[in-house]
Amino acid sequence: MAELGTVAWPPAPIQTERLVLRESESRDRAAFIELFSSPEVNTYLGGPRPRDECERALPETPERRPGLFVIELDGAMIGTIELNRRDAEHRSHVRPDAGEAELGYLLLPKAWGHGYAAEACAAVLDWFADARPGEPVVLCTQTANDRSMRLAAKLGFTKVQLFEAWGAEQWMGVWSPAAPPG
């Protein structure tokens, strides 16, 4: 997995109590278009992309890339989770080499309020902790995004810094897995 170091990609699908986290497939295309063009989903992400633009731009099989998991519920995609390395311009220097893994997620509005984001993010963080023992993960969100702020706290992220970007106050937190045994 180029972006996340020596982690083999793709991993086997991750099963949680209610969800499957897996690579994207052609059957996910409509859900990707809905995610990218949803005003609700993109409220804190610079706004939605026009649906017709998404229809033209998104390939029949959405891009499979290291670090991107589809969140599946009852056989249908309800969102995505990503782990990516922060680029040099956006590094927080949480790690000595400043190449932090950053957690991001998008869920369709119909999936909000059911605990799916917390369940899926916790599973991906557990997977990452096994794959890269002891390595921290960062998360950034607008302070105005109450749902994401609550999720960050529930997942155990602690504040590193507040900063201004994209015309709004941003919050950055860090999650550190338990130190590997002995």
N, C-alpha and C. Protein backbone atom coordinates (compact mmCIF):
# COMPACT_ATOMS: atom_id res chain seq x y z
N MET A 1 0.85 -1.17 0.00
CA MET A 1 0.00 0.00 0.00
C MET A 1 0.89 1.23 0.00
N ALA A 2 1.09 1.79 -1.13
CA ALA A 2 2.06 2.85 -1.30
C ALA A 2 1.86 4.01 -0.33
N GLU A 3 0.63 4.52 -0.21
CA GLU A 3 0.41 5.69 0.64
C GLU A 3 0.58 5.40 2.13
N LEU A 4 0.37 4.16 2.53
CA LEU A 4 0.40 3.87 3.96
C LEU A 4 1.56 2.96 4.35
N GLY A 5 2.59 2.93 3.54
CA GLY A 5 3.77 2.17 3.91
C GLY A 5 3.71 0.74 3.40
N THR A 6 4.07 -0.18 4.24
CA THR A 6 4.22 -1.57 3.81
C THR A 6 2.98 -2.42 4.06
N VAL A 7 1.84 -1.81 4.20
CA VAL A 7 0.60 -2.54 4.42
C VAL A 7 0.14 -3.15 3.10
N ALA A 8 -0.14 -4.45 3.11
CA ALA A 8 -0.64 -5.12 1.90
C ALA A 8 -2.02 -4.58 1.55
N TRP A 9 -2.23 -4.31 0.26
CA TRP A 9 -3.53 -3.80 -0.18
C TRP A 9 -3.99 -4.57 -1.38
N PRO A 10 -5.25 -4.92 -1.51
CA PRO A 10 -6.29 -4.64 -0.52
C PRO A 10 -6.29 -5.69 0.58
N PRO A 11 -6.75 -5.29 1.76
CA PRO A 11 -6.90 -6.28 2.82
C PRO A 11 -8.16 -7.09 2.56
N ALA A 12 -8.31 -8.17 3.27
CA ALA A 12 -9.58 -8.90 3.23
C ALA A 12 -10.66 -7.95 3.74
N PRO A 13 -11.88 -8.10 3.24
CA PRO A 13 -12.95 -7.24 3.77
C PRO A 13 -13.01 -7.32 5.30
N ILE A 14 -13.29 -6.20 5.90
CA ILE A 14 -13.40 -6.11 7.36
C ILE A 14 -14.88 -6.23 7.72
N GLN A 15 -15.21 -7.17 8.55
CA GLN A 15 -16.59 -7.37 8.99
C GLN A 15 -16.76 -6.77 10.39
N THR A 16 -17.81 -6.00 10.57
CA THR A 16 -18.17 -5.52 11.90
C THR A 16 -19.52 -6.16 12.24
N GLU A 17 -20.09 -5.74 13.34
CA GLU A 17 -21.39 -6.31 13.73
C GLU A 17 -22.44 -6.12 12.63
N ARG A 18 -22.45 -4.93 12.00
CA ARG A 18 -23.49 -4.64 10.99
C ARG A 18 -22.96 -4.34 9.60
N LEU A 19 -21.66 -4.12 9.47
CA LEU A 19 -21.11 -3.57 8.23
C LEU A 19 -20.03 -4.47 7.63
N VAL A 20 -19.77 -4.22 6.34
CA VAL A 20 -18.61 -4.79 5.66
C VAL A 20 -17.84 -3.61 5.09
N LEU A 21 -16.52 -3.58 5.33
CA LEU A 21 -15.64 -2.55 4.78
C LEU A 21 -14.80 -3.24 3.72
N ARG A 22 -14.89 -2.75 2.47
CA ARG A 22 -14.28 -3.46 1.35
C ARG A 22 -13.84 -2.47 0.28
N GLU A 23 -13.21 -3.03 -0.76
CA GLU A 23 -12.83 -2.22 -1.92
C GLU A 23 -14.08 -1.82 -2.70
N SER A 24 -13.96 -0.75 -3.49
CA SER A 24 -15.10 -0.32 -4.31
C SER A 24 -15.30 -1.29 -5.48
N GLU A 25 -16.54 -1.31 -5.95
CA GLU A 25 -16.94 -2.16 -7.07
C GLU A 25 -17.83 -1.35 -8.00
N SER A 26 -18.05 -1.85 -9.20
CA SER A 26 -18.87 -1.12 -10.18
C SER A 26 -20.27 -0.85 -9.65
N ARG A 27 -20.83 -1.75 -8.83
CA ARG A 27 -22.18 -1.55 -8.28
C ARG A 27 -22.27 -0.36 -7.33
N ASP A 28 -21.12 0.21 -6.93
CA ASP A 28 -21.09 1.34 -6.00
C ASP A 28 -21.18 2.70 -6.69
N ARG A 29 -21.14 2.72 -8.02
CA ARG A 29 -21.03 3.98 -8.76
C ARG A 29 -22.15 4.96 -8.40
N ALA A 30 -23.39 4.51 -8.37
CA ALA A 30 -24.51 5.42 -8.08
C ALA A 30 -24.37 6.02 -6.68
N ALA A 31 -23.92 5.22 -5.71
CA ALA A 31 -23.76 5.74 -4.35
C ALA A 31 -22.63 6.76 -4.28
N PHE A 32 -21.53 6.53 -5.04
CA PHE A 32 -20.46 7.53 -5.10
C PHE A 32 -20.99 8.85 -5.66
N ILE A 33 -21.77 8.77 -6.73
CA ILE A 33 -22.33 9.99 -7.32
C ILE A 33 -23.22 10.70 -6.32
N GLU A 34 -24.05 9.94 -5.59
CA GLU A 34 -24.91 10.53 -4.57
C GLU A 34 -24.08 11.20 -3.47
N LEU A 35 -23.00 10.54 -3.02
CA LEU A 35 -22.13 11.13 -1.99
C LEU A 35 -21.53 12.45 -2.45
N PHE A 36 -20.93 12.45 -3.64
CA PHE A 36 -20.22 13.64 -4.12
C PHE A 36 -21.14 14.80 -4.48
N SER A 37 -22.40 14.49 -4.83
CA SER A 37 -23.31 15.56 -5.26
C SER A 37 -24.31 15.95 -4.17
N SER A 38 -24.23 15.35 -3.00
CA SER A 38 -25.17 15.63 -1.91
C SER A 38 -24.82 16.94 -1.19
N PRO A 39 -25.75 17.89 -1.16
CA PRO A 39 -25.50 19.12 -0.40
C PRO A 39 -25.28 18.85 1.09
N GLU A 40 -26.03 17.89 1.67
CA GLU A 40 -25.88 17.59 3.09
C GLU A 40 -24.51 17.01 3.40
N VAL A 41 -24.07 16.04 2.60
CA VAL A 41 -22.78 15.40 2.83
C VAL A 41 -21.63 16.41 2.72
N ASN A 42 -21.76 17.33 1.79
CA ASN A 42 -20.66 18.24 1.47
C ASN A 42 -20.77 19.61 2.11
N THR A 43 -21.65 19.76 3.10
CA THR A 43 -21.83 21.03 3.80
C THR A 43 -20.51 21.60 4.30
N TYR A 44 -19.65 20.75 4.88
CA TYR A 44 -18.38 21.20 5.47
C TYR A 44 -17.19 20.86 4.59
N LEU A 45 -17.45 20.50 3.34
CA LEU A 45 -16.37 20.08 2.44
C LEU A 45 -16.33 20.92 1.17
N GLY A 46 -16.79 22.13 1.25
CA GLY A 46 -16.72 23.02 0.10
C GLY A 46 -17.92 22.96 -0.82
N GLY A 47 -18.94 22.22 -0.44
CA GLY A 47 -20.16 22.15 -1.24
C GLY A 47 -20.16 20.97 -2.19
N PRO A 48 -21.36 20.64 -2.69
CA PRO A 48 -21.49 19.48 -3.57
C PRO A 48 -20.95 19.77 -4.96
N ARG A 49 -20.60 18.68 -5.65
CA ARG A 49 -20.25 18.79 -7.06
C ARG A 49 -21.54 18.60 -7.85
N PRO A 50 -21.67 19.25 -9.00
CA PRO A 50 -22.88 19.04 -9.81
C PRO A 50 -23.02 17.57 -10.20
N ARG A 51 -24.25 17.04 -10.08
CA ARG A 51 -24.51 15.63 -10.36
C ARG A 51 -24.08 15.26 -11.78
N ASP A 52 -24.39 16.11 -12.77
CA ASP A 52 -24.02 15.77 -14.16
C ASP A 52 -22.50 15.70 -14.33
N GLU A 53 -21.77 16.54 -13.60
CA GLU A 53 -20.30 16.48 -13.64
C GLU A 53 -19.81 15.15 -13.05
N CYS A 54 -20.41 14.73 -11.95
CA CYS A 54 -20.05 13.45 -11.33
C CYS A 54 -20.36 12.29 -12.28
N GLU A 55 -21.52 12.35 -12.93
CA GLU A 55 -21.91 11.30 -13.87
C GLU A 55 -20.87 11.16 -14.98
N ARG A 56 -20.40 12.30 -15.50
CA ARG A 56 -19.41 12.28 -16.59
C ARG A 56 -18.03 11.84 -16.09
N ALA A 57 -17.64 12.29 -14.92
CA ALA A 57 -16.27 12.10 -14.45
C ALA A 57 -16.01 10.73 -13.81
N LEU A 58 -17.01 10.16 -13.17
CA LEU A 58 -16.78 8.93 -12.42
C LEU A 58 -16.80 7.73 -13.37
N PRO A 59 -15.72 6.95 -13.38
CA PRO A 59 -15.69 5.77 -14.25
C PRO A 59 -16.74 4.74 -13.83
N GLU A 60 -17.05 3.82 -14.74
CA GLU A 60 -18.03 2.77 -14.45
C GLU A 60 -17.66 1.99 -13.20
N THR A 61 -16.36 1.70 -13.04
CA THR A 61 -15.89 1.10 -11.80
C THR A 61 -15.13 2.20 -11.05
N PRO A 62 -15.72 2.69 -9.94
CA PRO A 62 -15.04 3.76 -9.19
C PRO A 62 -13.62 3.35 -8.83
N GLU A 63 -12.77 4.35 -8.74
CA GLU A 63 -11.35 4.13 -8.48
C GLU A 63 -11.11 3.29 -7.24
N ARG A 64 -10.30 2.27 -7.41
CA ARG A 64 -9.82 1.49 -6.26
C ARG A 64 -8.45 2.03 -5.94
N ARG A 65 -8.28 2.47 -4.72
CA ARG A 65 -6.96 2.97 -4.36
C ARG A 65 -6.64 2.59 -2.93
N PRO A 66 -5.36 2.43 -2.65
CA PRO A 66 -4.96 2.06 -1.29
C PRO A 66 -5.52 3.05 -0.27
N GLY A 67 -6.08 2.51 0.79
CA GLY A 67 -6.61 3.33 1.86
C GLY A 67 -8.09 3.64 1.77
N LEU A 68 -8.74 3.33 0.63
CA LEU A 68 -10.17 3.64 0.46
C LEU A 68 -11.01 2.39 0.69
N PHE A 69 -11.89 2.47 1.68
CA PHE A 69 -12.84 1.41 1.98
C PHE A 69 -14.25 1.89 1.67
N VAL A 70 -15.06 1.04 1.06
CA VAL A 70 -16.49 1.27 0.92
C VAL A 70 -17.14 0.73 2.19
N ILE A 71 -18.10 1.46 2.73
CA ILE A 71 -18.88 0.98 3.87
C ILE A 71 -20.16 0.38 3.30
N GLU A 72 -20.36 -0.90 3.55
CA GLU A 72 -21.52 -1.62 3.01
C GLU A 72 -22.43 -2.05 4.15
N LEU A 73 -23.73 -1.81 3.96
CA LEU A 73 -24.76 -2.25 4.90
C LEU A 73 -25.80 -3.03 4.10
N ASP A 74 -26.06 -4.25 4.50
CA ASP A 74 -27.06 -5.08 3.83
C ASP A 74 -26.87 -5.12 2.32
N GLY A 75 -25.61 -5.24 1.89
CA GLY A 75 -25.30 -5.39 0.47
C GLY A 75 -25.22 -4.11 -0.33
N ALA A 76 -25.42 -2.95 0.30
CA ALA A 76 -25.39 -1.68 -0.44
C ALA A 76 -24.40 -0.70 0.20
N MET A 77 -23.73 0.07 -0.65
CA MET A 77 -22.80 1.08 -0.17
C MET A 77 -23.55 2.22 0.51
N ILE A 78 -23.10 2.58 1.73
CA ILE A 78 -23.70 3.72 2.44
C ILE A 78 -22.67 4.83 2.70
N GLY A 79 -21.40 4.58 2.31
CA GLY A 79 -20.38 5.60 2.53
C GLY A 79 -18.99 5.07 2.26
N THR A 80 -18.01 5.90 2.61
CA THR A 80 -16.60 5.53 2.42
C THR A 80 -15.79 5.94 3.65
N ILE A 81 -14.68 5.25 3.82
CA ILE A 81 -13.67 5.63 4.81
C ILE A 81 -12.34 5.59 4.10
N GLU A 82 -11.48 6.58 4.39
CA GLU A 82 -10.15 6.62 3.79
C GLU A 82 -9.10 6.83 4.85
N LEU A 83 -7.95 6.22 4.61
CA LEU A 83 -6.73 6.51 5.34
C LEU A 83 -5.71 6.92 4.29
N ASN A 84 -5.22 8.12 4.38
CA ASN A 84 -4.22 8.63 3.43
C ASN A 84 -3.09 9.28 4.19
N ARG A 85 -1.92 9.35 3.57
CA ARG A 85 -0.82 10.12 4.14
C ARG A 85 -1.05 11.59 3.84
N ARG A 86 -0.86 12.42 4.84
CA ARG A 86 -0.98 13.87 4.62
C ARG A 86 0.22 14.34 3.81
N ASP A 87 -0.03 15.25 2.88
CA ASP A 87 1.06 15.77 2.07
C ASP A 87 1.88 16.79 2.86
N ALA A 88 3.04 17.15 2.33
CA ALA A 88 3.98 18.01 3.06
C ALA A 88 3.35 19.34 3.47
N GLU A 89 2.48 19.88 2.63
CA GLU A 89 1.87 21.18 2.92
C GLU A 89 0.92 21.11 4.12
N HIS A 90 0.32 19.94 4.37
CA HIS A 90 -0.69 19.81 5.42
C HIS A 90 -0.25 18.96 6.60
N ARG A 91 1.02 18.69 6.73
CA ARG A 91 1.47 17.84 7.82
C ARG A 91 1.41 18.57 9.15
N SER A 92 1.08 17.81 10.19
CA SER A 92 0.94 18.39 11.51
C SER A 92 2.15 18.13 12.39
N HIS A 93 3.04 17.28 11.91
CA HIS A 93 4.25 16.93 12.65
C HIS A 93 3.93 16.19 13.95
N VAL A 94 2.87 15.39 13.93
CA VAL A 94 2.54 14.52 15.05
C VAL A 94 3.58 13.41 15.11
N ARG A 95 3.99 12.92 13.94
CA ARG A 95 5.04 11.91 13.86
C ARG A 95 6.37 12.59 13.57
N PRO A 96 7.48 11.99 13.99
CA PRO A 96 8.78 12.61 13.72
C PRO A 96 9.04 12.83 12.23
N ASP A 97 8.58 11.91 11.37
CA ASP A 97 8.80 12.10 9.93
C ASP A 97 7.68 12.91 9.28
N ALA A 98 6.68 13.32 10.08
CA ALA A 98 5.58 14.18 9.66
C ALA A 98 4.73 13.59 8.54
N GLY A 99 4.72 12.28 8.37
CA GLY A 99 3.91 11.66 7.33
C GLY A 99 2.69 10.98 7.89
N GLU A 100 1.89 11.70 8.66
CA GLU A 100 0.75 11.11 9.36
C GLU A 100 -0.25 10.46 8.41
N ALA A 101 -0.88 9.40 8.90
CA ALA A 101 -2.06 8.85 8.24
C ALA A 101 -3.24 9.69 8.71
N GLU A 102 -4.12 10.03 7.78
CA GLU A 102 -5.29 10.84 8.11
C GLU A 102 -6.55 10.06 7.79
N LEU A 103 -7.48 10.05 8.74
CA LEU A 103 -8.76 9.38 8.59
C LEU A 103 -9.79 10.35 8.02
N GLY A 104 -10.53 9.90 7.03
CA GLY A 104 -11.63 10.67 6.48
C GLY A 104 -12.80 9.74 6.20
N TYR A 105 -14.00 10.28 6.20
CA TYR A 105 -15.18 9.44 5.98
C TYR A 105 -16.30 10.28 5.41
N LEU A 106 -17.16 9.64 4.63
CA LEU A 106 -18.37 10.25 4.09
C LEU A 106 -19.47 9.20 4.19
N LEU A 107 -20.63 9.59 4.69
CA LEU A 107 -21.78 8.70 4.72
C LEU A 107 -22.98 9.39 4.10
N LEU A 108 -23.79 8.61 3.42
CA LEU A 108 -25.03 9.14 2.85
C LEU A 108 -25.95 9.58 3.99
N PRO A 109 -26.71 10.67 3.80
CA PRO A 109 -27.58 11.16 4.88
C PRO A 109 -28.52 10.11 5.46
N LYS A 110 -28.99 9.18 4.64
CA LYS A 110 -29.91 8.14 5.15
C LYS A 110 -29.21 7.23 6.18
N ALA A 111 -27.87 7.24 6.20
CA ALA A 111 -27.10 6.40 7.12
C ALA A 111 -26.68 7.16 8.38
N TRP A 112 -27.02 8.43 8.48
CA TRP A 112 -26.63 9.24 9.63
C TRP A 112 -27.47 8.87 10.85
N GLY A 113 -26.87 8.99 12.02
CA GLY A 113 -27.61 8.83 13.26
C GLY A 113 -27.82 7.39 13.72
N HIS A 114 -27.16 6.44 13.08
CA HIS A 114 -27.31 5.02 13.44
C HIS A 114 -26.04 4.42 14.03
N GLY A 115 -24.99 5.23 14.16
CA GLY A 115 -23.73 4.72 14.71
C GLY A 115 -22.84 4.02 13.69
N TYR A 116 -23.21 4.07 12.41
CA TYR A 116 -22.41 3.37 11.39
C TYR A 116 -21.02 4.00 11.23
N ALA A 117 -20.94 5.32 11.28
CA ALA A 117 -19.63 5.97 11.13
C ALA A 117 -18.70 5.55 12.26
N ALA A 118 -19.19 5.55 13.48
CA ALA A 118 -18.36 5.16 14.62
C ALA A 118 -17.93 3.70 14.49
N GLU A 119 -18.86 2.83 14.11
CA GLU A 119 -18.56 1.40 13.96
C GLU A 119 -17.50 1.17 12.87
N ALA A 120 -17.69 1.83 11.74
CA ALA A 120 -16.77 1.65 10.61
C ALA A 120 -15.40 2.26 10.91
N CYS A 121 -15.38 3.47 11.46
CA CYS A 121 -14.11 4.13 11.76
C CYS A 121 -13.33 3.34 12.81
N ALA A 122 -14.01 2.86 13.84
CA ALA A 122 -13.33 2.08 14.88
C ALA A 122 -12.71 0.82 14.28
N ALA A 123 -13.42 0.17 13.36
CA ALA A 123 -12.90 -1.05 12.72
C ALA A 123 -11.67 -0.74 11.86
N VAL A 124 -11.71 0.37 11.13
CA VAL A 124 -10.56 0.74 10.30
C VAL A 124 -9.37 1.13 11.17
N LEU A 125 -9.62 1.85 12.27
CA LEU A 125 -8.52 2.20 13.18
C LEU A 125 -7.91 0.95 13.81
N ASP A 126 -8.75 -0.03 14.17
CA ASP A 126 -8.23 -1.29 14.72
C ASP A 126 -7.39 -2.02 13.67
N TRP A 127 -7.88 -2.06 12.43
CA TRP A 127 -7.14 -2.69 11.33
C TRP A 127 -5.78 -2.00 11.15
N PHE A 128 -5.79 -0.66 11.15
CA PHE A 128 -4.57 0.09 10.95
C PHE A 128 -3.59 -0.13 12.11
N ALA A 129 -4.12 -0.20 13.32
CA ALA A 129 -3.26 -0.43 14.49
C ALA A 129 -2.57 -1.79 14.40
N ASP A 130 -3.25 -2.78 13.84
CA ASP A 130 -2.63 -4.10 13.63
C ASP A 130 -1.61 -4.05 12.50
N ALA A 131 -1.94 -3.29 11.44
CA ALA A 131 -1.07 -3.23 10.26
C ALA A 131 0.16 -2.36 10.50
N ARG A 132 0.02 -1.29 11.27
CA ARG A 132 1.11 -0.33 11.54
C ARG A 132 1.16 -0.07 13.05
N PRO A 133 1.60 -1.06 13.83
CA PRO A 133 1.58 -0.95 15.30
C PRO A 133 2.22 0.34 15.82
N GLY A 134 1.49 0.99 16.73
CA GLY A 134 2.01 2.17 17.39
C GLY A 134 1.92 3.45 16.59
N GLU A 135 1.44 3.39 15.35
CA GLU A 135 1.42 4.60 14.51
C GLU A 135 0.15 5.41 14.74
N PRO A 136 0.27 6.72 15.00
CA PRO A 136 -0.91 7.56 15.23
C PRO A 136 -1.64 7.87 13.92
N VAL A 137 -2.88 8.30 14.06
CA VAL A 137 -3.72 8.72 12.95
C VAL A 137 -4.27 10.10 13.30
N VAL A 138 -4.34 10.99 12.31
CA VAL A 138 -4.93 12.31 12.55
C VAL A 138 -6.29 12.40 11.85
N LEU A 139 -7.08 13.33 12.33
CA LEU A 139 -8.40 13.60 11.76
C LEU A 139 -8.59 15.11 11.79
N CYS A 140 -9.08 15.67 10.71
CA CYS A 140 -9.39 17.10 10.65
C CYS A 140 -10.86 17.28 10.30
N THR A 141 -11.48 18.25 10.94
CA THR A 141 -12.87 18.59 10.64
C THR A 141 -13.10 20.04 11.02
N GLN A 142 -14.12 20.64 10.42
CA GLN A 142 -14.49 21.99 10.83
C GLN A 142 -15.07 21.93 12.23
N THR A 143 -14.73 22.92 13.04
CA THR A 143 -15.27 22.95 14.40
C THR A 143 -16.80 23.10 14.36
N ALA A 144 -17.34 23.66 13.30
CA ALA A 144 -18.79 23.82 13.16
C ALA A 144 -19.50 22.50 12.86
N ASN A 145 -18.76 21.47 12.48
CA ASN A 145 -19.35 20.18 12.14
C ASN A 145 -19.54 19.37 13.43
N ASP A 146 -20.66 19.61 14.09
CA ASP A 146 -20.92 18.99 15.40
C ASP A 146 -20.86 17.46 15.34
N ARG A 147 -21.42 16.86 14.29
CA ARG A 147 -21.43 15.39 14.18
C ARG A 147 -20.00 14.84 14.15
N SER A 148 -19.14 15.46 13.33
CA SER A 148 -17.76 14.98 13.22
C SER A 148 -16.97 15.25 14.49
N MET A 149 -17.24 16.36 15.15
CA MET A 149 -16.56 16.65 16.41
C MET A 149 -16.94 15.59 17.46
N ARG A 150 -18.23 15.22 17.52
CA ARG A 150 -18.67 14.19 18.48
C ARG A 150 -18.05 12.83 18.15
N LEU A 151 -17.99 12.51 16.86
CA LEU A 151 -17.41 11.24 16.45
C LEU A 151 -15.92 11.19 16.80
N ALA A 152 -15.21 12.27 16.55
CA ALA A 152 -13.78 12.31 16.88
C ALA A 152 -13.56 12.03 18.37
N ALA A 153 -14.38 12.64 19.21
CA ALA A 153 -14.26 12.42 20.66
C ALA A 153 -14.60 10.97 21.01
N LYS A 154 -15.67 10.44 20.41
CA LYS A 154 -16.08 9.06 20.69
C LYS A 154 -15.00 8.06 20.29
N LEU A 155 -14.28 8.34 19.20
CA LEU A 155 -13.23 7.45 18.72
C LEU A 155 -11.93 7.59 19.52
N GLY A 156 -11.84 8.64 20.36
CA GLY A 156 -10.64 8.81 21.17
C GLY A 156 -9.60 9.75 20.58
N PHE A 157 -9.99 10.57 19.61
CA PHE A 157 -9.06 11.57 19.07
C PHE A 157 -8.94 12.71 20.08
N THR A 158 -7.73 13.22 20.27
CA THR A 158 -7.51 14.35 21.16
C THR A 158 -6.95 15.53 20.35
N LYS A 159 -7.32 16.73 20.76
CA LYS A 159 -6.96 17.94 20.01
C LYS A 159 -5.46 18.14 19.94
N VAL A 160 -4.98 18.40 18.72
CA VAL A 160 -3.60 18.78 18.47
C VAL A 160 -3.53 20.28 18.24
N GLN A 161 -4.46 20.77 17.42
CA GLN A 161 -4.45 22.19 17.08
C GLN A 161 -5.76 22.62 16.45
N LEU A 162 -6.00 23.93 16.49
CA LEU A 162 -7.05 24.58 15.72
C LEU A 162 -6.35 25.43 14.69
N PHE A 163 -6.92 25.51 13.50
CA PHE A 163 -6.32 26.35 12.46
C PHE A 163 -7.41 26.82 11.50
N GLU A 164 -7.08 27.83 10.74
CA GLU A 164 -8.00 28.41 9.78
C GLU A 164 -7.65 27.86 8.40
N ALA A 165 -8.65 27.33 7.70
CA ALA A 165 -8.46 26.86 6.32
C ALA A 165 -9.81 26.86 5.62
N TRP A 166 -9.78 27.13 4.35
CA TRP A 166 -11.00 27.11 3.53
C TRP A 166 -12.10 28.01 4.11
N GLY A 167 -11.68 29.11 4.74
CA GLY A 167 -12.63 30.09 5.26
C GLY A 167 -13.34 29.67 6.53
N ALA A 168 -12.81 28.68 7.23
CA ALA A 168 -13.48 28.22 8.46
C ALA A 168 -12.45 27.69 9.46
N GLU A 169 -12.84 27.68 10.74
CA GLU A 169 -11.97 27.12 11.76
C GLU A 169 -11.98 25.60 11.66
N GLN A 170 -10.78 25.01 11.64
CA GLN A 170 -10.61 23.56 11.53
C GLN A 170 -10.05 23.03 12.84
N TRP A 171 -10.39 21.80 13.16
CA TRP A 171 -9.90 21.11 14.34
C TRP A 171 -9.09 19.91 13.88
N MET A 172 -7.92 19.73 14.43
CA MET A 172 -7.12 18.54 14.13
C MET A 172 -6.92 17.78 15.43
N GLY A 173 -7.20 16.48 15.36
CA GLY A 173 -6.97 15.62 16.51
C GLY A 173 -6.09 14.46 16.13
N VAL A 174 -5.57 13.77 17.15
CA VAL A 174 -4.72 12.61 16.92
C VAL A 174 -5.27 11.44 17.73
N TRP A 175 -5.17 10.27 17.13
CA TRP A 175 -5.53 9.00 17.78
C TRP A 175 -4.27 8.15 17.80
N SER A 176 -3.96 7.64 18.96
CA SER A 176 -2.78 6.78 19.08
C SER A 176 -3.22 5.43 19.60
N PRO A 177 -2.86 4.38 18.87
CA PRO A 177 -3.21 3.04 19.35
C PRO A 177 -2.41 2.70 20.59
N ALA A 178 -2.86 1.70 21.29
CA ALA A 178 -2.11 1.23 22.45
C ALA A 178 -0.74 0.78 21.98
N ALA A 179 0.25 1.01 22.78
CA ALA A 179 1.62 0.62 22.42
C ALA A 179 1.66 -0.90 22.26
N PRO A 180 2.41 -1.38 21.24
CA PRO A 180 2.51 -2.81 21.08
C PRO A 180 3.18 -3.45 22.28
N PRO A 181 2.79 -4.69 22.59
CA PRO A 181 3.38 -5.34 23.76
C PRO A 181 4.88 -5.51 23.63
N GLY A 182 5.56 -5.40 24.75
CA GLY A 182 6.85 -5.59 24.96
C GLY A 182 8.09 -5.53 24.45
